[in-house]
Amino acid sequence: MISAFSNSFKIPELRNKLLFTLGIIALCRLAANIPCPGIDPAALERLFDQLEKSSGGSSGIVGMVNLFSGGALQRFAVAALGIMPYISASIIMQLMTPVIPLLEKLKREGESGHQKITQWTRYLTLLICIIQGYLLAKGMENPSALLGTQVPDIVISPGIGFQMMTVIILTSGTMILMWLGEQITDRGVGNGASLIITIGIIEGLPSAIYGMWSLFRTQGAGEQQFTIIHVFILFGLFIVVTAATIALTVGVRRVPIQYAKAMAGRKGAAGQSSFIPLRLNFANVMPIIFASAILMFPPILINWATTYASWMSPLAGIFNYASVWYMLIYGGLIILFSFFWVANQFNPIQIADDLKRQGAYIPGIRPGKPTSDFLDTSMTRVTCAGALMLTVLALVPMIFSNQLNIPFMIASFFGGASLLIIVGVLLDTVRQVESHLLMHHYDGFLDRGRLRSRRTSRYI
């Protein structure tokens, strides 16, 4: 594997792509560390410390958003919104494509239609940035209304001037990140938007390691006891969870298909065989993102409504981050959105029609409606197993932070959306580098043969 990394810089084309990608990532991290004007950094730091103490070290939804932005939210940096507005706009456009005939028509037009959809996605990103930037500015002006606790003043000069300035800066930061991500996709290695999110998450890994060491070092000081045995147990659990995440990411069920015999003059050519991969986690990390986004609003609304209707205060306990009720609702939403995404994106009728036009069939299944019914049933069973596994992985960080009193920054690397994003993006990036190495007759990242692709792997 070490020789594969060294070989990556021996190929001029691949070396330029890697250096370009690293340079763009450095610019993105720079934007995540430049604070916006008009904010008291000391008061903002005290706010996050108070928020972490009030939530038992979990930091709740705010900690999750801060993790995805690479710590930019905690610094209220230029890139505080991160690239998530662009991801949200892309998801919305992808969900609306099967519903709106115009989008479906543009999708089938090829490159020109794809460029039009991309342009509309950018406009939608701009709108989302303006809305989120204004809400974040209002939240910084009056954080007590959102968190339900007394916090120090963060904004030095609140008012319409601060709000407009913040919206312009945060919107510009996200649009620049979006453009940089597109440059990585076109001229670098990997998917740009996904890499920016992944690097932002990995940026918190040194802090998590230091936090784990601090827990082990401060044993006997009246806090939770962490011995070397606990460290080895957590390390073993991390390996198990990572292996399960990889299996969930690359696991598929292969449905065999057979092509009819082709006639070449008087000779008949044997029909080829292939398979249809039904992914175990077809929706990837989308159910976790959807569920987290929905559960972000009830605590804010309840805290706001409690000031006018005190009888609603007991409802706040239901939506406390990592509570039992919260985890039950969270898990149910993940399962629901897993099936929703499959129903929206997987079309067994269209697949059956395409197979019929290509002269292909599933052995033992008649073409047409029986084939679509078989694919629908198979995908439902695969999705059920994948959704349950995804739910367990999503709940592991909450269980660690709530039941074991492990800080959220450490627990977030034991599953959930962060680990799924890291595993998925790194696997795709390594596959791209692997293809360049093999194309120039270099060994890949494995000693024996290349990294198995989606067509050759037993599990892909």
Protein backbone atom coordinates (compact mmCIF):
# COMPACT_ATOMS: atom_id res chain seq x y z
CA MET A 1 0.00 0.00 0.00
CA ILE A 2 2.90 2.37 0.73
CA SER A 3 4.30 1.74 -2.75
CA ALA A 4 0.87 2.51 -4.22
CA PHE A 5 0.91 5.94 -2.55
CA SER A 6 4.40 6.62 -3.89
CA ASN A 7 3.37 5.43 -7.36
CA SER A 8 0.48 7.89 -7.31
CA PHE A 9 2.95 10.77 -7.57
CA LYS A 10 4.96 9.11 -10.37
CA ILE A 11 2.10 9.58 -12.85
CA PRO A 12 2.06 13.25 -13.96
CA GLU A 13 -1.68 13.37 -14.62
CA LEU A 14 -2.59 11.75 -11.31
CA ARG A 15 -0.01 13.81 -9.42
CA ASN A 16 -1.48 17.05 -10.77
CA LYS A 17 -4.98 15.92 -9.84
CA LEU A 18 -3.93 15.02 -6.30
CA LEU A 19 -2.02 18.28 -5.75
CA PHE A 20 -4.92 20.29 -7.16
CA THR A 21 -7.36 18.50 -4.85
CA LEU A 22 -5.15 19.08 -1.82
CA GLY A 23 -4.79 22.77 -2.69
CA ILE A 24 -8.56 23.26 -2.99
CA ILE A 25 -9.12 21.42 0.30
CA ALA A 26 -6.62 23.76 1.98
CA LEU A 27 -8.62 26.76 0.71
CA CYS A 28 -11.84 25.24 2.08
CA ARG A 29 -10.25 24.74 5.50
CA LEU A 30 -9.03 28.35 5.39
CA ALA A 31 -12.60 29.55 4.83
CA ALA A 32 -13.70 27.47 7.83
CA ASN A 33 -11.26 29.32 10.10
CA ILE A 34 -11.87 32.96 9.09
CA PRO A 35 -14.49 34.37 11.55
CA CYS A 36 -17.28 36.66 10.46
CA PRO A 37 -17.12 40.25 11.75
CA GLY A 38 -19.43 41.54 14.47
CA ILE A 39 -19.08 38.48 16.76
CA ASP A 40 -17.44 38.28 20.18
CA PRO A 41 -15.27 35.12 19.93
CA ALA A 42 -14.98 34.69 23.70
CA ALA A 43 -18.75 34.89 24.18
CA LEU A 44 -19.29 32.44 21.32
CA GLU A 45 -16.87 29.98 22.91
CA ARG A 46 -18.66 30.28 26.25
CA LEU A 47 -21.96 29.63 24.45
CA PHE A 48 -20.76 26.31 23.05
CA ASP A 49 -19.22 25.33 26.39
CA GLN A 50 -22.51 26.07 28.13
CA LEU A 51 -24.43 24.21 25.46
CA GLU A 52 -22.22 21.13 25.86
CA LYS A 53 -22.60 21.15 29.64
CA SER A 54 -26.40 21.59 29.48
CA SER A 55 -26.75 18.66 27.07
CA GLY A 56 -24.55 16.29 29.04
CA GLY A 57 -21.67 16.50 26.58
CA SER A 58 -23.70 15.56 23.52
CA SER A 59 -24.11 19.11 22.08
CA GLY A 60 -27.26 17.90 20.34
CA ILE A 61 -28.18 18.98 16.84
CA VAL A 62 -25.90 22.01 17.07
CA GLY A 63 -22.93 19.71 17.62
CA MET A 64 -23.90 17.62 14.61
CA VAL A 65 -24.18 20.68 12.34
CA ASN A 66 -20.87 21.95 13.70
CA LEU A 67 -19.29 18.57 12.94
CA PHE A 68 -20.47 18.61 9.30
CA SER A 69 -19.14 22.15 8.85
CA GLY A 70 -15.72 21.14 10.14
CA GLY A 71 -15.99 23.31 13.26
CA ALA A 72 -16.84 26.41 11.22
CA LEU A 73 -20.13 26.96 13.06
CA GLN A 74 -18.38 27.01 16.44
CA ARG A 75 -16.08 29.74 15.11
CA PHE A 76 -18.94 31.41 13.17
CA ALA A 77 -16.60 31.42 10.20
CA VAL A 78 -17.18 32.49 6.61
CA ALA A 79 -17.99 28.86 5.81
CA ALA A 80 -20.30 28.39 8.82
CA LEU A 81 -23.10 27.09 6.59
CA GLY A 82 -20.65 24.72 4.92
CA ILE A 83 -21.61 23.06 1.67
CA MET A 84 -24.76 21.52 3.13
CA PRO A 85 -27.10 24.04 1.39
CA TYR A 86 -25.78 22.78 -1.95
CA ILE A 87 -26.25 19.19 -0.83
CA SER A 88 -29.78 20.01 0.31
CA ALA A 89 -30.59 21.66 -3.02
CA SER A 90 -29.23 18.66 -4.92
CA ILE A 91 -31.34 16.30 -2.83
CA ILE A 92 -34.46 18.40 -3.40
CA MET A 93 -33.88 18.45 -7.17
CA GLN A 94 -33.24 14.72 -7.19
CA LEU A 95 -36.45 14.02 -5.28
CA MET A 96 -38.50 16.34 -7.47
CA THR A 97 -37.21 14.93 -10.76
CA PRO A 98 -39.57 11.88 -10.84
CA VAL A 99 -42.48 14.09 -9.72
CA ILE A 100 -42.16 17.08 -12.09
CA PRO A 101 -42.46 16.10 -15.79
CA LEU A 102 -40.25 19.01 -16.91
CA LEU A 103 -37.34 17.83 -14.76
CA GLU A 104 -37.84 14.26 -15.94
CA LYS A 105 -37.73 15.46 -19.54
CA LEU A 106 -34.55 17.47 -18.93
CA LYS A 107 -32.92 14.45 -17.31
CA ARG A 108 -33.50 12.38 -20.44
CA GLU A 109 -32.08 15.06 -22.76
CA GLY A 110 -28.51 14.22 -21.82
CA GLU A 111 -25.78 16.78 -21.26
CA SER A 112 -27.86 19.87 -22.10
CA GLY A 113 -30.63 18.85 -19.72
CA HIS A 114 -28.11 18.02 -17.00
CA GLN A 115 -26.57 21.50 -17.31
CA LYS A 116 -30.02 23.08 -16.95
CA ILE A 117 -30.78 21.05 -13.82
CA THR A 118 -27.36 22.01 -12.40
CA GLN A 119 -28.11 25.68 -13.03
CA TRP A 120 -31.45 25.44 -11.21
CA THR A 121 -29.71 23.60 -8.35
CA ARG A 122 -27.34 26.55 -7.95
CA TYR A 123 -30.25 29.01 -7.82
CA LEU A 124 -31.95 26.87 -5.19
CA THR A 125 -28.68 26.75 -3.23
CA LEU A 126 -28.57 30.55 -3.25
CA LEU A 127 -32.13 30.73 -1.89
CA ILE A 128 -31.40 28.19 0.86
CA CYS A 129 -28.24 30.08 1.85
CA ILE A 130 -30.15 33.36 2.20
CA ILE A 131 -32.80 31.73 4.40
CA GLN A 132 -30.34 29.80 6.57
CA GLY A 133 -27.98 32.77 6.81
CA TYR A 134 -30.78 35.04 8.06
CA LEU A 135 -31.95 32.45 10.60
CA LEU A 136 -28.40 31.94 11.83
CA ALA A 137 -27.91 35.71 12.18
CA LYS A 138 -31.13 36.00 14.20
CA GLY A 139 -30.03 33.04 16.28
CA MET A 140 -26.72 34.69 17.11
CA GLU A 141 -28.54 37.89 18.12
CA ASN A 142 -30.87 36.04 20.49
CA PRO A 143 -29.51 32.57 21.28
CA SER A 144 -31.51 32.36 24.52
CA ALA A 145 -34.79 32.08 22.56
CA LEU A 146 -33.46 29.10 20.63
CA LEU A 147 -31.67 27.24 23.42
CA GLY A 148 -34.01 28.05 26.29
CA THR A 149 -31.12 29.07 28.58
CA GLN A 150 -29.50 32.36 29.52
CA VAL A 151 -26.37 32.93 27.46
CA PRO A 152 -24.07 35.94 27.08
CA ASP A 153 -24.46 38.46 24.27
CA ILE A 154 -22.58 37.25 21.20
CA VAL A 155 -23.26 39.97 18.63
CA ILE A 156 -21.45 43.25 19.29
CA SER A 157 -23.88 45.50 17.34
CA PRO A 158 -27.14 43.64 16.60
CA GLY A 159 -29.58 44.95 14.05
CA ILE A 160 -30.44 44.97 10.37
CA GLY A 161 -26.87 45.89 9.44
CA PHE A 162 -25.44 42.80 11.13
CA GLN A 163 -28.12 40.60 9.61
CA MET A 164 -27.53 41.80 6.05
CA MET A 165 -23.75 41.56 6.43
CA THR A 166 -23.97 38.05 7.84
CA VAL A 167 -26.32 36.83 5.11
CA ILE A 168 -24.03 38.19 2.38
CA ILE A 169 -20.86 36.73 3.93
CA LEU A 170 -22.30 33.29 4.71
CA THR A 171 -24.00 33.04 1.32
CA SER A 172 -20.80 34.02 -0.46
CA GLY A 173 -18.84 31.48 1.58
CA THR A 174 -21.16 28.63 0.65
CA MET A 175 -21.27 29.59 -3.03
CA ILE A 176 -17.46 29.69 -3.12
CA LEU A 177 -17.32 26.26 -1.48
CA MET A 178 -19.80 24.98 -4.07
CA TRP A 179 -17.63 26.29 -6.90
CA LEU A 180 -14.49 24.82 -5.35
CA GLY A 181 -16.23 21.48 -4.99
CA GLU A 182 -17.17 21.50 -8.66
CA GLN A 183 -13.54 22.25 -9.55
CA ILE A 184 -12.42 19.19 -7.58
CA THR A 185 -14.97 17.03 -9.39
CA ASP A 186 -13.89 18.30 -12.82
CA ARG A 187 -10.13 18.62 -12.39
CA GLY A 188 -9.25 16.70 -9.24
CA VAL A 189 -9.86 13.30 -7.66
CA GLY A 190 -13.17 12.27 -6.12
CA ASN A 191 -16.48 14.04 -5.67
CA GLY A 192 -15.77 17.60 -4.61
CA ALA A 193 -18.78 18.29 -2.39
CA SER A 194 -18.45 14.95 -0.61
CA LEU A 195 -14.71 15.44 -0.07
CA ILE A 196 -15.25 18.88 1.47
CA ILE A 197 -17.72 17.43 3.97
CA THR A 198 -15.46 14.45 4.67
CA ILE A 199 -12.38 16.58 5.33
CA GLY A 200 -14.45 18.77 7.63
CA ILE A 201 -15.47 15.71 9.65
CA ILE A 202 -11.95 14.26 9.71
CA GLU A 203 -10.71 17.65 10.94
CA GLY A 204 -12.32 16.85 14.27
CA LEU A 205 -10.55 13.48 14.58
CA PRO A 206 -7.42 14.85 16.37
CA SER A 207 -9.68 16.60 18.89
CA ALA A 208 -11.57 13.36 19.44
CA ILE A 209 -8.33 11.45 20.01
CA TYR A 210 -7.12 14.09 22.43
CA GLY A 211 -10.48 14.02 24.21
CA MET A 212 -10.21 10.26 24.60
CA TRP A 213 -6.71 10.64 25.99
CA SER A 214 -7.97 13.31 28.40
CA LEU A 215 -10.65 10.95 29.71
CA PHE A 216 -8.03 8.27 30.27
CA ARG A 217 -5.57 10.72 31.83
CA THR A 218 -8.03 12.34 34.30
CA GLN A 219 -9.15 9.10 35.90
CA GLY A 220 -9.58 9.25 39.67
CA ALA A 221 -10.41 12.98 39.66
CA GLY A 222 -14.05 12.39 40.53
CA GLU A 223 -15.11 11.91 36.91
CA GLN A 224 -15.87 8.78 34.97
CA GLN A 225 -13.10 6.22 35.35
CA PHE A 226 -11.38 5.26 32.08
CA THR A 227 -8.69 2.60 32.33
CA ILE A 228 -6.56 1.02 29.66
CA ILE A 229 -9.14 -1.78 29.43
CA HIS A 230 -11.85 0.71 28.51
CA VAL A 231 -9.59 2.15 25.83
CA PHE A 232 -9.02 -1.28 24.25
CA ILE A 233 -12.74 -2.05 24.40
CA LEU A 234 -13.60 1.23 22.68
CA PHE A 235 -10.92 0.59 20.06
CA GLY A 236 -12.35 -2.87 19.39
CA LEU A 237 -15.86 -1.43 19.11
CA PHE A 238 -14.58 1.18 16.68
CA ILE A 239 -13.12 -1.56 14.44
CA VAL A 240 -16.37 -3.55 14.57
CA VAL A 241 -18.53 -0.51 13.77
CA THR A 242 -16.21 0.53 10.93
CA ALA A 243 -16.30 -2.97 9.44
CA ALA A 244 -20.11 -2.99 9.68
CA THR A 245 -20.23 0.43 8.00
CA ILE A 246 -18.05 -0.81 5.12
CA ALA A 247 -20.24 -3.89 4.72
CA LEU A 248 -23.36 -1.72 4.68
CA THR A 249 -21.81 0.66 2.14
CA VAL A 250 -20.62 -1.92 -0.40
CA GLY A 251 -23.06 -4.76 0.23
CA VAL A 252 -25.49 -5.74 -2.54
CA ARG A 253 -27.69 -8.61 -3.59
CA ARG A 254 -26.92 -9.73 -7.12
CA VAL A 255 -29.94 -10.65 -9.23
CA PRO A 256 -28.68 -12.75 -12.19
CA ILE A 257 -29.85 -11.86 -15.69
CA GLN A 258 -29.38 -13.76 -18.93
CA TYR A 259 -29.29 -12.28 -22.42
CA ALA A 260 -30.97 -14.13 -25.28
CA LYS A 261 -28.83 -15.84 -27.93
CA ALA A 262 -27.75 -13.61 -30.80
CA MET A 263 -27.61 -14.84 -34.41
CA ALA A 264 -24.51 -13.96 -36.48
CA GLY A 265 -25.25 -15.25 -40.01
CA ARG A 266 -25.95 -18.95 -39.68
CA LYS A 267 -24.13 -19.20 -36.38
CA GLY A 268 -25.70 -18.54 -33.03
CA ALA A 269 -23.72 -16.74 -30.33
CA ALA A 270 -24.28 -17.84 -26.76
CA GLY A 271 -26.16 -15.36 -24.62
CA GLN A 272 -24.13 -13.48 -22.06
CA SER A 273 -24.92 -13.45 -18.35
CA SER A 274 -24.75 -10.52 -15.96
CA PHE A 275 -26.50 -9.34 -12.82
CA ILE A 276 -28.48 -6.43 -11.38
CA PRO A 277 -26.94 -5.12 -8.12
CA LEU A 278 -29.54 -4.34 -5.46
CA ARG A 279 -27.67 -2.23 -2.92
CA LEU A 280 -28.14 -3.03 0.74
CA ASN A 281 -28.04 0.68 1.62
CA PHE A 282 -29.62 2.16 -1.50
CA ALA A 283 -30.33 5.53 0.16
CA ASN A 284 -26.80 5.84 1.57
CA VAL A 285 -26.70 8.56 4.27
CA MET A 286 -29.85 10.38 3.09
CA PRO A 287 -32.27 8.87 5.69
CA ILE A 288 -30.01 10.05 8.52
CA ILE A 289 -29.80 13.55 7.06
CA PHE A 290 -33.57 13.74 6.54
CA ALA A 291 -34.34 12.45 10.04
CA SER A 292 -31.84 14.82 11.65
CA ALA A 293 -33.21 17.79 9.70
CA ILE A 294 -36.80 17.07 10.75
CA LEU A 295 -35.94 16.56 14.43
CA MET A 296 -33.99 19.83 14.44
CA PHE A 297 -37.17 21.94 14.45
CA PRO A 298 -39.38 20.51 17.28
CA PRO A 299 -37.02 21.53 20.15
CA ILE A 300 -36.75 25.07 18.75
CA LEU A 301 -40.51 25.38 18.31
CA ILE A 302 -41.22 23.93 21.75
CA ASN A 303 -38.76 26.29 23.45
CA TRP A 304 -40.38 29.22 21.67
CA ALA A 305 -43.94 28.07 22.40
CA THR A 306 -43.22 27.36 26.09
CA THR A 307 -42.94 31.08 26.74
CA TYR A 308 -46.60 31.46 25.70
CA ALA A 309 -47.99 28.06 26.76
CA SER A 310 -46.29 26.53 29.78
CA TRP A 311 -48.27 23.29 29.42
CA MET A 312 -46.05 22.40 26.44
CA SER A 313 -42.90 22.20 28.56
CA PRO A 314 -43.23 18.41 29.20
CA LEU A 315 -42.96 17.87 25.43
CA ALA A 316 -39.41 19.21 25.50
CA GLY A 317 -38.23 16.03 27.24
CA ILE A 318 -39.42 13.91 24.33
CA PHE A 319 -37.13 15.72 21.88
CA ASN A 320 -34.08 15.92 24.13
CA TYR A 321 -31.14 14.76 22.06
CA ALA A 322 -30.17 11.11 22.70
CA SER A 323 -33.13 10.50 25.04
CA VAL A 324 -35.05 7.24 24.71
CA TRP A 325 -38.04 8.86 22.98
CA TYR A 326 -35.76 10.82 20.69
CA MET A 327 -33.91 7.66 19.63
CA LEU A 328 -37.19 5.80 18.99
CA ILE A 329 -38.52 8.62 16.81
CA TYR A 330 -35.14 9.04 15.13
CA GLY A 331 -34.88 5.32 14.32
CA GLY A 332 -38.44 5.21 12.99
CA LEU A 333 -37.79 8.17 10.70
CA ILE A 334 -34.61 6.56 9.35
CA ILE A 335 -36.50 3.38 8.44
CA LEU A 336 -39.34 5.41 6.92
CA PHE A 337 -37.03 7.55 4.79
CA SER A 338 -35.04 4.50 3.67
CA PHE A 339 -38.15 3.02 2.10
CA PHE A 340 -39.25 6.44 0.84
CA TRP A 341 -35.95 6.99 -0.99
CA VAL A 342 -36.10 3.53 -2.57
CA ALA A 343 -39.71 4.06 -3.66
CA ASN A 344 -38.75 7.41 -5.19
CA GLN A 345 -35.51 6.43 -6.93
CA PHE A 346 -35.87 2.69 -7.70
CA ASN A 347 -38.30 1.95 -10.55
CA PRO A 348 -38.73 -1.83 -11.05
CA ILE A 349 -41.23 -1.33 -13.90
CA GLN A 350 -38.72 0.69 -15.93
CA ILE A 351 -35.95 -1.84 -15.21
CA ALA A 352 -38.21 -4.70 -16.35
CA ASP A 353 -39.08 -2.82 -19.56
CA ASP A 354 -35.39 -2.10 -20.26
CA LEU A 355 -34.52 -5.76 -19.78
CA LYS A 356 -37.29 -6.78 -22.14
CA ARG A 357 -36.12 -4.37 -24.85
CA GLN A 358 -32.54 -5.62 -24.51
CA GLY A 359 -33.60 -9.24 -24.80
CA ALA A 360 -32.58 -10.02 -21.23
CA TYR A 361 -34.47 -11.88 -18.53
CA ILE A 362 -34.09 -13.18 -15.00
CA PRO A 363 -33.78 -16.99 -15.04
CA GLY A 364 -36.99 -18.56 -13.83
CA ILE A 365 -38.95 -15.26 -14.01
CA ARG A 366 -41.13 -14.30 -16.96
CA PRO A 367 -40.48 -10.89 -18.59
CA GLY A 368 -42.78 -7.95 -17.95
CA LYS A 369 -44.88 -7.65 -14.80
CA PRO A 370 -43.55 -10.83 -13.10
CA THR A 371 -40.03 -9.41 -13.42
CA SER A 372 -41.02 -6.03 -11.96
CA ASP A 373 -42.87 -7.75 -9.08
CA PHE A 374 -39.83 -9.92 -8.37
CA LEU A 375 -37.50 -6.91 -8.36
CA ASP A 376 -39.88 -4.94 -6.14
CA THR A 377 -40.13 -7.79 -3.62
CA SER A 378 -36.38 -8.40 -3.63
CA MET A 379 -35.59 -4.71 -3.19
CA THR A 380 -38.08 -4.43 -0.32
CA ARG A 381 -36.41 -7.28 1.55
CA VAL A 382 -32.93 -5.90 0.93
CA THR A 383 -34.03 -2.41 2.01
CA CYS A 384 -35.58 -3.79 5.20
CA ALA A 385 -32.28 -5.38 6.24
CA GLY A 386 -30.29 -2.32 5.20
CA ALA A 387 -32.62 0.11 7.00
CA LEU A 388 -32.40 -1.84 10.26
CA MET A 389 -28.61 -1.98 10.03
CA LEU A 390 -28.47 1.73 9.18
CA THR A 391 -30.67 2.54 12.17
CA VAL A 392 -28.41 0.62 14.55
CA LEU A 393 -25.32 2.40 13.22
CA ALA A 394 -27.06 5.78 13.52
CA LEU A 395 -28.04 5.15 17.16
CA VAL A 396 -24.62 3.95 18.32
CA PRO A 397 -23.19 7.50 18.82
CA MET A 398 -26.28 8.54 20.79
CA ILE A 399 -26.03 5.48 23.03
CA PHE A 400 -22.36 6.19 23.64
CA SER A 401 -22.90 9.87 24.45
CA ASN A 402 -26.04 9.38 26.57
CA GLN A 403 -25.48 6.05 28.32
CA LEU A 404 -21.67 5.98 28.56
CA ASN A 405 -21.22 9.76 29.01
CA ILE A 406 -18.71 9.93 26.16
CA PRO A 407 -18.41 13.44 24.64
CA PHE A 408 -20.22 13.89 21.35
CA MET A 409 -17.02 14.71 19.45
CA ILE A 410 -15.68 11.25 20.33
CA ALA A 411 -18.95 9.32 20.01
CA SER A 412 -19.67 10.76 16.54
CA PHE A 413 -16.85 8.64 15.07
CA PHE A 414 -18.48 5.41 16.30
CA GLY A 415 -21.19 5.39 13.65
CA GLY A 416 -23.87 7.69 12.36
CA ALA A 417 -23.72 9.94 9.34
CA SER A 418 -20.11 10.99 9.92
CA LEU A 419 -18.66 7.48 9.68
CA LEU A 420 -20.90 6.58 6.73
CA ILE A 421 -19.77 9.67 4.84
CA ILE A 422 -16.10 9.05 5.59
CA VAL A 423 -16.24 5.39 4.54
CA GLY A 424 -18.25 5.99 1.38
CA VAL A 425 -16.23 8.97 0.14
CA LEU A 426 -12.85 7.42 0.87
CA LEU A 427 -13.79 4.19 -0.89
CA ASP A 428 -14.91 6.08 -4.01
CA THR A 429 -11.77 8.24 -3.99
CA VAL A 430 -9.49 5.23 -3.59
CA ARG A 431 -11.26 3.52 -6.50
CA GLN A 432 -10.54 6.50 -8.75
CA VAL A 433 -6.86 6.57 -7.78
CA GLU A 434 -6.74 2.79 -8.23
CA SER A 435 -8.06 3.07 -11.78
CA HIS A 436 -5.33 5.58 -12.71
CA LEU A 437 -2.64 3.31 -11.26
CA LEU A 438 -3.88 0.23 -13.11
CA MET A 439 -4.25 2.16 -16.34
CA HIS A 440 -0.52 3.01 -16.18
CA HIS A 441 0.42 -0.58 -15.20
CA TYR A 442 1.17 0.13 -11.55
CA ASP A 443 0.11 -2.06 -8.64
CA GLY A 444 -2.93 -0.88 -6.73
CA PHE A 445 -3.51 -0.44 -3.01
CA LEU A 446 -3.74 -4.21 -2.42
CA ASP A 447 -0.73 -6.52 -2.59
CA ARG A 448 -2.63 -9.15 -4.53
CA GLY A 449 -4.46 -7.64 -7.45
CA ARG A 450 -6.40 -4.44 -7.54
CA LEU A 451 -9.07 -3.03 -5.30
CA ARG A 452 -12.21 -4.83 -6.38
CA SER A 453 -14.61 -2.60 -8.26
CA ARG A 454 -18.40 -2.70 -8.32
CA ARG A 455 -18.37 -5.24 -11.14
CA THR A 456 -15.80 -7.66 -9.80
CA SER A 457 -16.36 -7.59 -6.06
CA ARG A 458 -18.43 -10.22 -4.47
CA TYR A 459 -20.13 -7.66 -2.26
CA ILE A 460 -20.42 -4.70 -4.63
